[in-house]
């Protein structure tokens, strides 16, 4: 499977990037400072003792439940490999989802099934990508008996609503956190998972499957900063700003005839009245995310961006509309 992602491409860094869901208010100054001051001359502690304890205290869980990962995608690949090694043969996937879930399953020849109760591994994501809403099957899948992973990459960027799972449900699933999007530091790769409260042996097995030092010094610095109250305060303030920017962006896109689908996050999908000339947009520094790879043809996923970026995209779409009128 070809892996498709937003952000920089062969043409470089887009000047006006609507294709990635990083927090447009970022980077978080305190987290960025921590990364810049990281001591890259030395290896991190190979056991990451202090980091595990800090993340465990942040989530109020046993430190043995924290499984560190090089990135969310690395954890997706690792836990899929572990399930396959343990004899799992079937996977449940949301109807619209991030492509790495299916790519990892295909690599290990896991058969997709329609019923989570028949699966050895099941994936949830809330807010979901690309739609930014809840997963209708979340509660049923969480109770299916499969190894269930809830991808919470966008939970820190939830602008409204709440997740589908109660605390009792969350304690039974793997929770995957990758804070780099929320902090506006997507170039720093680092993530962690919280194992279910009855899955300490499985957490140890996944730790044993990791390479030595899955996190470098910069990822350690980012994750240590992530749990600090000042960083969480900055994140709360950024969500307030994103709500205002999102309201404006939805309005003018609708005015241009782009129906926008509901979303609880800092991104949403919209259907273009006519297919945009993405080559022309990219030539002037604008990049959108085609939602076909998620299973939603004819739609585009757009992250919420500041007014200056919105103005450039609006002008470009107006110009394209007038050119074909």
Protein backbone atom coordinates (compact mmCIF):
# COMPACT_ATOMS: atom_id res chain seq x y z
CA UNK A 1 0.00 0.00 0.00
CA UNK A 2 1.21 3.48 -0.84
CA UNK A 3 1.36 5.57 2.32
CA UNK A 4 -0.09 9.04 1.80
CA UNK A 5 0.39 11.87 4.27
CA UNK A 6 -0.03 15.61 4.42
CA UNK A 7 2.77 18.12 4.91
CA UNK A 8 5.99 18.57 2.92
CA UNK A 9 6.45 16.65 -0.31
CA UNK A 10 8.87 16.56 -3.23
CA UNK A 11 8.15 20.25 -3.84
CA UNK A 12 9.24 21.15 -0.32
CA UNK A 13 7.35 22.77 2.53
CA UNK A 14 4.00 24.29 1.50
CA UNK A 15 3.71 27.95 2.43
CA UNK A 16 0.00 27.51 3.18
CA UNK A 17 -0.46 23.98 4.43
CA UNK A 18 -4.04 22.79 4.95
CA UNK A 19 -3.03 19.16 4.45
CA UNK A 20 -1.66 18.36 7.90
CA UNK A 21 -3.58 18.58 11.15
CA UNK A 22 -0.84 20.10 13.28
CA UNK A 23 -1.99 22.82 15.66
CA UNK A 24 -1.86 26.01 13.57
CA UNK A 25 -1.23 28.05 16.73
CA UNK A 26 2.04 26.22 17.26
CA UNK A 27 4.71 25.46 17.87
CA UNK A 28 4.12 25.61 21.59
CA UNK A 29 6.89 27.95 22.82
CA UNK A 30 7.73 25.99 25.99
CA UNK A 31 7.78 22.65 24.19
CA UNK A 32 9.89 24.09 21.38
CA UNK A 33 12.36 25.50 23.89
CA UNK A 34 12.60 22.11 25.60
CA UNK A 35 13.36 20.43 22.27
CA UNK A 36 15.92 23.05 21.31
CA UNK A 37 17.68 22.65 24.67
CA UNK A 38 17.75 18.84 24.56
CA UNK A 39 21.19 17.35 25.00
CA UNK A 40 21.71 15.50 21.74
CA UNK A 41 25.31 14.59 22.67
CA UNK A 42 24.22 11.68 24.86
CA UNK A 43 21.93 8.69 24.75
CA UNK A 44 18.72 8.96 26.76
CA UNK A 45 18.24 6.58 29.68
CA UNK A 46 17.52 3.31 27.84
CA UNK A 47 14.75 2.51 30.32
CA UNK A 48 13.27 6.03 30.14
CA UNK A 49 12.51 5.74 33.84
CA UNK A 50 11.85 9.39 34.58
CA UNK A 51 9.80 9.89 31.41
CA UNK A 52 7.63 6.83 32.11
CA UNK A 53 6.98 7.99 35.65
CA UNK A 54 6.12 11.52 34.49
CA UNK A 55 3.67 10.30 31.84
CA UNK A 56 2.15 7.83 34.28
CA UNK A 57 1.60 10.59 36.85
CA UNK A 58 0.07 12.81 34.15
CA UNK A 59 -2.50 10.12 33.33
CA UNK A 60 -2.77 8.76 36.90
CA UNK A 61 -1.82 5.21 35.89
CA UNK A 62 0.82 2.66 36.88
CA UNK A 63 4.12 3.45 35.14
CA UNK A 64 4.30 -0.16 33.97
CA UNK A 65 1.34 0.58 31.69
CA UNK A 66 3.30 3.16 29.68
CA UNK A 67 4.71 1.78 26.41
CA UNK A 68 6.95 4.25 24.58
CA UNK A 69 7.06 4.37 20.79
CA UNK A 70 9.13 6.06 18.12
CA UNK A 71 5.90 7.50 16.72
CA UNK A 72 2.22 6.61 16.50
CA UNK A 73 2.91 4.90 13.18
CA UNK A 74 5.72 2.88 14.75
CA UNK A 75 3.38 1.70 17.50
CA UNK A 76 0.73 0.81 14.92
CA UNK A 77 3.27 -1.40 13.16
CA UNK A 78 4.58 -2.92 16.41
CA UNK A 79 1.28 -3.87 18.01
CA UNK A 80 0.04 -5.29 14.70
CA UNK A 81 3.17 -7.43 14.54
CA UNK A 82 2.64 -8.56 18.14
CA UNK A 83 -0.99 -9.56 17.49
CA UNK A 84 0.07 -11.52 14.40
CA UNK A 85 2.89 -13.19 16.35
CA UNK A 86 0.38 -14.25 18.99
CA UNK A 87 -1.75 -15.94 16.34
CA UNK A 88 -4.20 -13.16 15.46
CA UNK A 89 -5.56 -13.42 11.93
CA UNK A 90 -8.32 -10.82 11.65
CA UNK A 91 -8.54 -7.05 12.05
CA UNK A 92 -11.43 -4.60 12.37
CA UNK A 93 -10.95 -1.17 10.80
CA UNK A 94 -13.22 1.89 10.79
CA UNK A 95 -14.88 2.49 7.44
CA UNK A 96 -12.95 5.77 7.09
CA UNK A 97 -9.54 5.78 8.73
CA UNK A 98 -5.85 6.61 8.71
CA UNK A 99 -4.17 4.38 6.16
CA UNK A 100 -1.38 3.04 8.40
CA UNK A 101 -3.84 0.77 10.27
CA UNK A 102 -4.68 -1.06 7.06
CA UNK A 103 -1.08 -0.95 5.80
CA UNK A 104 0.22 -2.68 8.93
CA UNK A 105 -2.58 -5.24 8.78
CA UNK A 106 -1.82 -5.96 5.14
CA UNK A 107 1.87 -6.39 5.91
CA UNK A 108 1.03 -9.08 8.45
CA UNK A 109 -1.76 -10.55 6.30
CA UNK A 110 -4.53 -9.85 8.77
CA UNK A 111 -7.93 -10.28 7.19
CA UNK A 112 -10.32 -7.32 7.57
CA UNK A 113 -13.68 -8.31 9.06
CA UNK A 114 -16.95 -6.43 9.39
CA UNK A 115 -17.65 -7.51 12.96
CA UNK A 116 -15.26 -6.43 15.72
CA UNK A 117 -16.23 -9.53 17.73
CA UNK A 118 -14.51 -11.65 15.08
CA UNK A 119 -11.28 -9.65 15.14
CA UNK A 120 -8.05 -10.20 17.06
CA UNK A 121 -7.14 -6.51 16.63
CA UNK A 122 -9.45 -3.51 16.29
CA UNK A 123 -8.70 0.15 15.68
CA UNK A 124 -10.60 3.18 16.93
CA UNK A 125 -9.75 6.84 16.50
CA UNK A 126 -11.54 9.76 18.17
CA UNK A 127 -11.77 12.44 16.98
CA UNK A 128 -11.58 10.36 13.84
CA UNK A 129 -9.60 11.18 10.74
CA UNK A 130 -10.64 12.37 8.25
CA UNK A 131 -14.08 13.37 9.55
CA UNK A 132 -13.13 14.68 13.00
CA UNK A 133 -16.07 13.10 14.80
CA UNK A 134 -16.86 10.06 16.90
CA UNK A 135 -16.72 6.42 15.85
CA UNK A 136 -20.29 4.99 15.78
CA UNK A 137 -18.97 1.51 16.58
CA UNK A 138 -16.67 2.59 19.40
CA UNK A 139 -18.51 1.19 22.40
CA UNK A 140 -19.42 -2.07 20.71
CA UNK A 141 -15.87 -2.60 19.43
CA UNK A 142 -14.36 -1.69 22.82
CA UNK A 143 -16.39 -4.53 24.35
CA UNK A 144 -15.60 -7.02 21.58
CA UNK A 145 -12.79 -8.91 23.30
CA UNK A 146 -10.25 -7.97 20.63
CA UNK A 147 -7.04 -6.10 21.31
CA UNK A 148 -8.53 -2.64 20.85
CA UNK A 149 -6.38 0.43 20.24
CA UNK A 150 -7.91 3.89 20.57
CA UNK A 151 -5.80 6.39 18.64
CA UNK A 152 -6.07 9.68 20.57
CA UNK A 153 -3.78 11.77 18.39
CA UNK A 154 -6.47 14.42 17.96
CA UNK A 155 -8.05 14.32 21.42
CA UNK A 156 -5.93 17.32 22.57
CA UNK A 157 -7.27 19.20 19.53
CA UNK A 158 -10.92 18.41 20.19
CA UNK A 159 -12.79 21.72 19.88
CA UNK A 160 -16.21 20.44 20.98
CA UNK A 161 -18.05 17.36 22.13
CA UNK A 162 -16.66 14.39 24.02
CA UNK A 163 -15.38 10.91 23.24
CA UNK A 164 -17.66 7.90 23.00
CA UNK A 165 -15.97 5.79 25.68
CA UNK A 166 -16.51 6.15 29.42
CA UNK A 167 -13.59 5.86 31.84
CA UNK A 168 -14.45 2.21 32.48
CA UNK A 169 -14.22 1.54 28.73
CA UNK A 170 -10.94 3.43 28.40
CA UNK A 171 -9.36 1.23 31.06
CA UNK A 172 -9.97 -1.80 28.81
CA UNK A 173 -8.38 -0.48 25.61
CA UNK A 174 -4.92 0.63 24.54
CA UNK A 175 -4.75 4.43 24.37
CA UNK A 176 -2.28 5.76 21.82
CA UNK A 177 -1.05 9.34 22.34
CA UNK A 178 1.13 11.31 19.90
CA UNK A 179 1.29 14.91 21.18
CA UNK A 180 3.42 16.37 18.38
CA UNK A 181 0.35 17.48 16.39
CA UNK A 182 -1.19 19.27 19.37
CA UNK A 183 2.13 20.97 20.11
CA UNK A 184 2.75 22.00 16.49
CA UNK A 185 5.96 19.93 16.39
CA UNK A 186 5.17 17.19 13.89
CA UNK A 187 8.84 16.94 12.91
CA UNK A 188 9.64 15.58 16.36
CA UNK A 189 8.66 11.93 16.37
CA UNK A 190 7.64 10.40 19.67
CA UNK A 191 4.54 8.74 21.13
CA UNK A 192 3.36 6.45 23.87
CA UNK A 193 0.54 4.05 24.61
CA UNK A 194 -1.26 3.34 27.86
CA UNK A 195 -1.92 -0.36 28.21
CA UNK A 196 -5.25 -1.59 29.56
CA UNK A 197 -5.19 -1.96 33.32
CA UNK A 198 -5.16 -5.77 33.08
CA UNK A 199 -2.53 -5.97 30.33
CA UNK A 200 0.83 -5.61 32.09
CA UNK A 201 2.26 -8.80 30.52
CA UNK A 202 1.25 -7.53 27.08
CA UNK A 203 2.85 -4.16 27.82
CA UNK A 204 6.08 -5.92 28.75
CA UNK A 205 5.94 -7.94 25.54
CA UNK A 206 5.52 -4.81 23.43
CA UNK A 207 8.38 -3.13 25.28
CA UNK A 208 10.55 -6.13 24.51
CA UNK A 209 9.74 -5.81 20.78
CA UNK A 210 10.99 -2.22 20.63
CA UNK A 211 14.46 -1.42 19.35
CA UNK A 212 16.98 0.09 21.73
CA UNK A 213 16.30 3.78 22.38
CA UNK A 214 13.08 4.18 20.35
CA UNK A 215 13.03 7.82 21.51
CA UNK A 216 15.89 10.22 20.94
CA UNK A 217 16.72 13.14 23.19
CA UNK A 218 14.42 15.54 21.33
CA UNK A 219 11.40 13.23 21.58
CA UNK A 220 12.07 12.75 25.29
CA UNK A 221 12.19 16.52 25.76
CA UNK A 222 8.91 16.98 23.87
CA UNK A 223 7.08 14.31 25.86
CA UNK A 224 8.42 15.60 29.19
CA UNK A 225 7.23 19.10 28.26
CA UNK A 226 3.85 17.77 27.09
CA UNK A 227 2.63 16.92 30.57
CA UNK A 228 3.63 20.26 32.16
CA UNK A 229 0.75 22.51 33.34
CA UNK A 230 2.07 25.53 31.43
CA UNK A 231 2.03 23.55 28.18
CA UNK A 232 -1.48 22.28 28.85
CA UNK A 233 -2.58 25.87 29.57
CA UNK A 234 -1.12 26.99 26.24
CA UNK A 235 -2.96 24.15 24.52
CA UNK A 236 -6.27 25.20 26.07
CA UNK A 237 -5.73 28.76 24.85
CA UNK A 238 -4.89 27.51 21.37
CA UNK A 239 -8.15 25.57 21.22
CA UNK A 240 -10.07 28.79 21.87
CA UNK A 241 -8.22 30.47 18.98
CA UNK A 242 -8.78 27.49 16.69
CA UNK A 243 -12.53 27.60 17.35
CA UNK A 244 -12.68 31.19 16.10
CA UNK A 245 -10.55 30.45 13.04
CA UNK A 246 -12.60 27.34 12.27
CA UNK A 247 -15.89 29.24 12.36
CA UNK A 248 -14.61 31.75 9.81
CA UNK A 249 -13.11 29.06 7.57
CA UNK A 250 -16.31 27.03 7.50
CA UNK A 251 -18.33 30.12 6.64
CA UNK A 252 -16.41 31.30 3.60
CA UNK A 253 -15.97 27.76 2.24
CA UNK A 254 -19.73 27.28 2.47
CA UNK A 255 -20.21 30.63 0.73
CA UNK A 256 -18.02 29.32 -2.10
CA UNK A 257 -20.26 26.26 -2.46
CA UNK A 258 -18.11 23.77 -0.54
CA UNK A 259 -20.45 21.75 1.73
CA UNK A 260 -18.54 21.09 4.96
CA UNK A 261 -19.12 17.95 7.00
CA UNK A 262 -19.50 18.13 10.80
CA UNK A 263 -16.31 17.85 12.83
CA UNK A 264 -15.35 18.18 16.49
CA UNK A 265 -11.67 18.76 15.80
CA UNK A 266 -9.29 21.29 14.23
CA UNK A 267 -9.96 19.88 10.76
CA UNK A 268 -12.94 18.90 8.65
CA UNK A 269 -13.87 17.49 5.27
CA UNK A 270 -15.51 19.49 2.52
CA UNK A 271 -16.81 18.53 -0.91
CA UNK A 272 -15.62 20.68 -3.78
CA UNK A 273 -18.36 21.82 -6.20
CA UNK A 274 -15.84 21.12 -8.98
CA UNK A 275 -12.49 19.37 -8.53
CA UNK A 276 -9.89 21.98 -7.62
CA UNK A 277 -6.73 22.31 -9.70
CA UNK A 278 -4.40 20.97 -7.03
CA UNK A 279 -1.36 21.44 -9.23
CA UNK A 280 -2.09 25.14 -9.60
CA UNK A 281 -2.76 25.44 -5.89
CA UNK A 282 0.49 23.68 -5.04
CA UNK A 283 2.37 25.94 -7.44
CA UNK A 284 1.39 28.95 -5.33
CA UNK A 285 2.25 27.21 -2.08
CA UNK A 286 -1.17 25.81 -1.10
CA UNK A 287 -1.60 22.16 -0.22
CA UNK A 288 -4.88 20.37 0.51
CA UNK A 289 -5.40 16.74 1.56
CA UNK A 290 -7.37 14.61 -0.86
CA UNK A 291 -9.64 12.38 1.24
CA UNK A 292 -9.74 9.54 -1.28
CA UNK A 293 -6.98 7.68 0.55
CA UNK A 294 -9.22 7.69 3.63
CA UNK A 295 -12.11 6.23 1.64
CA UNK A 296 -13.94 9.50 0.97
CA UNK A 297 -13.61 10.38 -2.74
CA UNK A 298 -14.69 13.82 -3.89
CA UNK A 299 -13.86 15.36 -0.53
CA UNK A 300 -10.90 17.27 0.84
CA UNK A 301 -9.69 17.35 4.40
CA UNK A 302 -8.67 20.83 5.49
CA UNK A 303 -7.00 21.76 8.74
CA UNK A 304 -8.00 24.98 10.45
CA UNK A 305 -5.49 27.69 9.58
CA UNK A 306 -4.91 31.35 10.57
CA UNK A 307 -6.64 34.19 8.70
CA UNK A 308 -3.65 34.91 6.43
CA UNK A 309 -3.59 31.34 5.11
CA UNK A 310 -7.36 31.31 4.75
CA UNK A 311 -7.23 34.50 2.69
CA UNK A 312 -4.71 33.00 0.27
CA UNK A 313 -6.77 29.82 -0.20
CA UNK A 314 -10.01 31.74 -0.59
CA UNK A 315 -8.50 33.99 -3.27
CA UNK A 316 -7.07 30.99 -5.14
CA UNK A 317 -10.37 29.09 -5.08
CA UNK A 318 -12.24 32.18 -6.23
CA UNK A 319 -9.80 32.61 -9.11
CA UNK A 320 -10.25 28.98 -10.16
CA UNK A 321 -14.02 29.30 -9.97
CA UNK A 322 -14.00 32.39 -12.16
CA UNK A 323 -11.65 30.72 -14.65
CA UNK A 324 -14.14 27.92 -15.32
CA UNK A 325 -17.28 30.09 -15.14
